[in-house]
Amino acid sequence: MTIASHVQELRRKHEHLSTIVEKEQRKPATDHLILADLKKQKLRLKEEISRLSQA
């Protein structure tokens, strides 16, 4: 797997997590622990994408 394809896959995962976060935030009884975990996962992906894009 090339770096470019890996970055593309990470971006796809990040976008998927964004969709899940949006859905969770719309729920009347949002589980804030789950939401926080999802946001942490998104941040880790974003940092990894940034790191790989600079290489």
PDB file of N, CA and C in Angstrom:
ATOM      1  N   MET A   1       0.846  -1.181   0.000  1.00  0.00           N
ATOM      2  CA  MET A   1       0.000   0.000   0.000  1.00  0.00           C
ATOM      3  C   MET A   1       0.891   1.243   0.000  1.00  0.00           C
ATOM      4  N   THR A   2       0.634   2.137  -0.917  1.00  0.00           N
ATOM      5  CA  THR A   2       1.408   3.369  -0.978  1.00  0.00           C
ATOM      6  C   THR A   2       0.935   4.331   0.106  1.00  0.00           C
ATOM      7  N   ILE A   3       1.753   5.335   0.363  1.00  0.00           N
ATOM      8  CA  ILE A   3       1.380   6.340   1.363  1.00  0.00           C
ATOM      9  C   ILE A   3       0.114   7.071   0.921  1.00  0.00           C
ATOM     10  N   ALA A   4       0.038   7.389  -0.369  1.00  0.00           N
ATOM     11  CA  ALA A   4      -1.131   8.112  -0.877  1.00  0.00           C
ATOM     12  C   ALA A   4      -2.411   7.296  -0.688  1.00  0.00           C
ATOM     13  N   SER A   5      -2.365   6.012  -0.963  1.00  0.00           N
ATOM     14  CA  SER A   5      -3.564   5.185  -0.795  1.00  0.00           C
ATOM     15  C   SER A   5      -3.903   5.014   0.686  1.00  0.00           C
ATOM     16  N   HIS A   6      -2.873   4.971   1.526  1.00  0.00           N
ATOM     17  CA  HIS A   6      -3.103   4.864   2.969  1.00  0.00           C
ATOM     18  C   HIS A   6      -3.773   6.142   3.484  1.00  0.00           C
ATOM     19  N   VAL A   7      -3.281   7.291   3.030  1.00  0.00           N
ATOM     20  CA  VAL A   7      -3.872   8.568   3.427  1.00  0.00           C
ATOM     21  C   VAL A   7      -5.323   8.642   2.948  1.00  0.00           C
ATOM     22  N   GLN A   8      -5.566   8.177   1.736  1.00  0.00           N
ATOM     23  CA  GLN A   8      -6.930   8.184   1.200  1.00  0.00           C
ATOM     24  C   GLN A   8      -7.849   7.317   2.060  1.00  0.00           C
ATOM     25  N   GLU A   9      -7.370   6.171   2.478  1.00  0.00           N
ATOM     26  CA  GLU A   9      -8.168   5.281   3.337  1.00  0.00           C
ATOM     27  C   GLU A   9      -8.420   5.934   4.697  1.00  0.00           C
ATOM     28  N   LEU A  10      -7.412   6.605   5.246  1.00  0.00           N
ATOM     29  CA  LEU A  10      -7.592   7.301   6.519  1.00  0.00           C
ATOM     30  C   LEU A  10      -8.619   8.421   6.386  1.00  0.00           C
ATOM     31  N   ARG A  11      -8.591   9.130   5.276  1.00  0.00           N
ATOM     32  CA  ARG A  11      -9.574  10.197   5.040  1.00  0.00           C
ATOM     33  C   ARG A  11     -10.987   9.626   4.945  1.00  0.00           C
ATOM     34  N   ARG A  12     -11.112   8.461   4.308  1.00  0.00           N
ATOM     35  CA  ARG A  12     -12.414   7.814   4.206  1.00  0.00           C
ATOM     36  C   ARG A  12     -12.931   7.437   5.599  1.00  0.00           C
ATOM     37  N   LYS A  13     -12.050   6.898   6.432  1.00  0.00           N
ATOM     38  CA  LYS A  13     -12.436   6.533   7.798  1.00  0.00           C
ATOM     39  C   LYS A  13     -12.817   7.775   8.599  1.00  0.00           C
ATOM     40  N   HIS A  14     -12.064   8.862   8.417  1.00  0.00           N
ATOM     41  CA  HIS A  14     -12.345  10.115   9.115  1.00  0.00           C
ATOM     42  C   HIS A  14     -13.724  10.642   8.724  1.00  0.00           C
ATOM     43  N   GLU A  15     -14.033  10.597   7.442  1.00  0.00           N
ATOM     44  CA  GLU A  15     -15.342  11.056   6.960  1.00  0.00           C
ATOM     45  C   GLU A  15     -16.462  10.186   7.522  1.00  0.00           C
ATOM     46  N   HIS A  16     -16.223   8.891   7.577  1.00  0.00           N
ATOM     47  CA  HIS A  16     -17.223   7.969   8.142  1.00  0.00           C
ATOM     48  C   HIS A  16     -17.476   8.292   9.616  1.00  0.00           C
ATOM     49  N   LEU A  17     -16.402   8.552  10.356  1.00  0.00           N
ATOM     50  CA  LEU A  17     -16.556   8.913  11.768  1.00  0.00           C
ATOM     51  C   LEU A  17     -17.300  10.239  11.905  1.00  0.00           C
ATOM     52  N   SER A  18     -17.059  11.167  11.000  1.00  0.00           N
ATOM     53  CA  SER A  18     -17.780  12.444  11.031  1.00  0.00           C
ATOM     54  C   SER A  18     -19.277  12.222  10.907  1.00  0.00           C
ATOM     55  N   THR A  19     -19.653  11.339  10.019  1.00  0.00           N
ATOM     56  CA  THR A  19     -21.070  11.016   9.830  1.00  0.00           C
ATOM     57  C   THR A  19     -21.664  10.404  11.097  1.00  0.00           C
ATOM     58  N   ILE A  20     -20.930   9.509  11.709  1.00  0.00           N
ATOM     59  CA  ILE A  20     -21.406   8.860  12.937  1.00  0.00           C
ATOM     60  C   ILE A  20     -21.540   9.889  14.062  1.00  0.00           C
ATOM     61  N   VAL A  21     -20.563  10.785  14.184  1.00  0.00           N
ATOM     62  CA  VAL A  21     -20.612  11.823  15.222  1.00  0.00           C
ATOM     63  C   VAL A  21     -21.839  12.705  15.023  1.00  0.00           C
ATOM     64  N   GLU A  22     -22.093  13.105  13.785  1.00  0.00           N
ATOM     65  CA  GLU A  22     -23.262  13.933  13.501  1.00  0.00           C
ATOM     66  C   GLU A  22     -24.558  13.229  13.903  1.00  0.00           C
ATOM     67  N   LYS A  23     -24.651  11.945  13.582  1.00  0.00           N
ATOM     68  CA  LYS A  23     -25.847  11.183  13.953  1.00  0.00           C
ATOM     69  C   LYS A  23     -25.994  11.094  15.471  1.00  0.00           C
ATOM     70  N   GLU A  24     -24.886  10.863  16.165  1.00  0.00           N
ATOM     71  CA  GLU A  24     -24.922  10.764  17.630  1.00  0.00           C
ATOM     72  C   GLU A  24     -25.360  12.087  18.248  1.00  0.00           C
ATOM     73  N   GLN A  25     -24.890  13.195  17.686  1.00  0.00           N
ATOM     74  CA  GLN A  25     -25.227  14.501  18.246  1.00  0.00           C
ATOM     75  C   GLN A  25     -26.695  14.838  18.043  1.00  0.00           C
ATOM     76  N   ARG A  26     -27.321  14.264  17.041  1.00  0.00           N
ATOM     77  CA  ARG A  26     -28.742  14.522  16.776  1.00  0.00           C
ATOM     78  C   ARG A  26     -29.671  13.708  17.670  1.00  0.00           C
ATOM     79  N   LYS A  27     -29.153  12.650  18.272  1.00  0.00           N
ATOM     80  CA  LYS A  27     -29.985  11.812  19.130  1.00  0.00           C
ATOM     81  C   LYS A  27     -30.408  12.594  20.369  1.00  0.00           C
ATOM     82  N   PRO A  28     -31.644  12.391  20.800  1.00  0.00           N
ATOM     83  CA  PRO A  28     -32.105  13.095  22.009  1.00  0.00           C
ATOM     84  C   PRO A  28     -31.335  12.663  23.264  1.00  0.00           C
ATOM     85  N   ALA A  29     -30.967  11.414  23.323  1.00  0.00           N
ATOM     86  CA  ALA A  29     -30.242  10.897  24.499  1.00  0.00           C
ATOM     87  C   ALA A  29     -28.822  10.514  24.081  1.00  0.00           C
ATOM     88  N   THR A  30     -28.038  11.516  23.751  1.00  0.00           N
ATOM     89  CA  THR A  30     -26.673  11.280  23.306  1.00  0.00           C
ATOM     90  C   THR A  30     -25.824  10.729  24.442  1.00  0.00           C
ATOM     91  N   ASP A  31     -25.079   9.676  24.147  1.00  0.00           N
ATOM     92  CA  ASP A  31     -24.130   9.124  25.117  1.00  0.00           C
ATOM     93  C   ASP A  31     -22.828   9.907  24.961  1.00  0.00           C
ATOM     94  N   HIS A  32     -22.553  10.755  25.923  1.00  0.00           N
ATOM     95  CA  HIS A  32     -21.413  11.657  25.817  1.00  0.00           C
ATOM     96  C   HIS A  32     -20.066  10.932  25.863  1.00  0.00           C
ATOM     97  N   LEU A  33     -20.024   9.781  26.494  1.00  0.00           N
ATOM     98  CA  LEU A  33     -18.778   9.011  26.516  1.00  0.00           C
ATOM     99  C   LEU A  33     -18.477   8.437  25.139  1.00  0.00           C
ATOM    100  N   ILE A  34     -19.495   7.923  24.483  1.00  0.00           N
ATOM    101  CA  ILE A  34     -19.317   7.398  23.128  1.00  0.00           C
ATOM    102  C   ILE A  34     -18.929   8.531  22.192  1.00  0.00           C
ATOM    103  N   LEU A  35     -19.600   9.659  22.320  1.00  0.00           N
ATOM    104  CA  LEU A  35     -19.314  10.810  21.478  1.00  0.00           C
ATOM    105  C   LEU A  35     -17.874  11.286  21.665  1.00  0.00           C
ATOM    106  N   ALA A  36     -17.423  11.351  22.886  1.00  0.00           N
ATOM    107  CA  ALA A  36     -16.046  11.767  23.161  1.00  0.00           C
ATOM    108  C   ALA A  36     -15.048  10.786  22.553  1.00  0.00           C
ATOM    109  N   ASP A  37     -15.349   9.498  22.655  1.00  0.00           N
ATOM    110  CA  ASP A  37     -14.462   8.484  22.078  1.00  0.00           C
ATOM    111  C   ASP A  37     -14.398   8.609  20.556  1.00  0.00           C
ATOM    112  N   LEU A  38     -15.529   8.828  19.930  1.00  0.00           N
ATOM    113  CA  LEU A  38     -15.566   8.991  18.474  1.00  0.00           C
ATOM    114  C   LEU A  38     -14.747  10.211  18.055  1.00  0.00           C
ATOM    115  N   LYS A  39     -14.872  11.282  18.802  1.00  0.00           N
ATOM    116  CA  LYS A  39     -14.125  12.500  18.472  1.00  0.00           C
ATOM    117  C   LYS A  39     -12.618  12.296  18.653  1.00  0.00           C
ATOM    118  N   LYS A  40     -12.233  11.520  19.652  1.00  0.00           N
ATOM    119  CA  LYS A  40     -10.813  11.209  19.845  1.00  0.00           C
ATOM    120  C   LYS A  40     -10.284  10.382  18.688  1.00  0.00           C
ATOM    121  N   GLN A  41     -11.091   9.433  18.220  1.00  0.00           N
ATOM    122  CA  GLN A  41     -10.689   8.619  17.068  1.00  0.00           C
ATOM    123  C   GLN A  41     -10.504   9.495  15.837  1.00  0.00           C
ATOM    124  N   LYS A  42     -11.433  10.434  15.637  1.00  0.00           N
ATOM    125  CA  LYS A  42     -11.335  11.356  14.504  1.00  0.00           C
ATOM    126  C   LYS A  42     -10.051  12.176  14.590  1.00  0.00           C
ATOM    127  N   LEU A  43      -9.743  12.664  15.788  1.00  0.00           N
ATOM    128  CA  LEU A  43      -8.540  13.481  15.978  1.00  0.00           C
ATOM    129  C   LEU A  43      -7.279  12.673  15.690  1.00  0.00           C
ATOM    130  N   ARG A  44      -7.251  11.428  16.158  1.00  0.00           N
ATOM    131  CA  ARG A  44      -6.080  10.574  15.883  1.00  0.00           C
ATOM    132  C   ARG A  44      -5.903  10.375  14.378  1.00  0.00           C
ATOM    133  N   LEU A  45      -7.010  10.135  13.680  1.00  0.00           N
ATOM    134  CA  LEU A  45      -6.936   9.961  12.228  1.00  0.00           C
ATOM    135  C   LEU A  45      -6.451  11.234  11.552  1.00  0.00           C
ATOM    136  N   LYS A  46      -6.977  12.374  11.987  1.00  0.00           N
ATOM    137  CA  LYS A  46      -6.580  13.649  11.401  1.00  0.00           C
ATOM    138  C   LYS A  46      -5.088  13.898  11.607  1.00  0.00           C
ATOM    139  N   GLU A  47      -4.587  13.606  12.802  1.00  0.00           N
ATOM    140  CA  GLU A  47      -3.166  13.775  13.083  1.00  0.00           C
ATOM    141  C   GLU A  47      -2.316  12.845  12.226  1.00  0.00           C
ATOM    142  N   GLU A  48      -2.763  11.617  12.051  1.00  0.00           N
ATOM    143  CA  GLU A  48      -2.034  10.651  11.226  1.00  0.00           C
ATOM    144  C   GLU A  48      -2.043  11.099   9.755  1.00  0.00           C
ATOM    145  N   ILE A  49      -3.167  11.577   9.285  1.00  0.00           N
ATOM    146  CA  ILE A  49      -3.254  12.075   7.909  1.00  0.00           C
ATOM    147  C   ILE A  49      -2.281  13.240   7.715  1.00  0.00           C
ATOM    148  N   SER A  50      -2.273  14.145   8.663  1.00  0.00           N
ATOM    149  CA  SER A  50      -1.378  15.307   8.605  1.00  0.00           C
ATOM    150  C   SER A  50       0.078  14.866   8.601  1.00  0.00           C
ATOM    151  N   ARG A  51       0.406  13.950   9.477  1.00  0.00           N
ATOM    152  CA  ARG A  51       1.795  13.470   9.580  1.00  0.00           C
ATOM    153  C   ARG A  51       2.243  12.805   8.278  1.00  0.00           C
ATOM    154  N   LEU A  52       1.392  11.963   7.714  1.00  0.00           N
ATOM    155  CA  LEU A  52       1.746  11.261   6.482  1.00  0.00           C
ATOM    156  C   LEU A  52       1.784  12.206   5.278  1.00  0.00           C
ATOM    157  N   SER A  53       0.942  13.224   5.284  1.00  0.00           N
ATOM    158  CA  SER A  53       0.903  14.161   4.164  1.00  0.00           C
ATOM    159  C   SER A  53       2.157  15.029   4.118  1.00  0.00           C
ATOM    160  N   GLN A  54       2.775  15.234   5.261  1.00  0.00           N
ATOM    161  CA  GLN A  54       3.986  16.052   5.318  1.00  0.00           C
ATOM    162  C   GLN A  54       5.233  15.262   4.939  1.00  0.00           C
ATOM    163  N   ALA A  55       5.130  13.953   4.978  1.00  0.00           N
ATOM    164  CA  ALA A  55       6.301  13.096   4.702  1.00  0.00           C
ATOM    165  C   ALA A  55       6.647  13.073   3.232  1.00  0.00           C
TER     166      ALA A  55
END
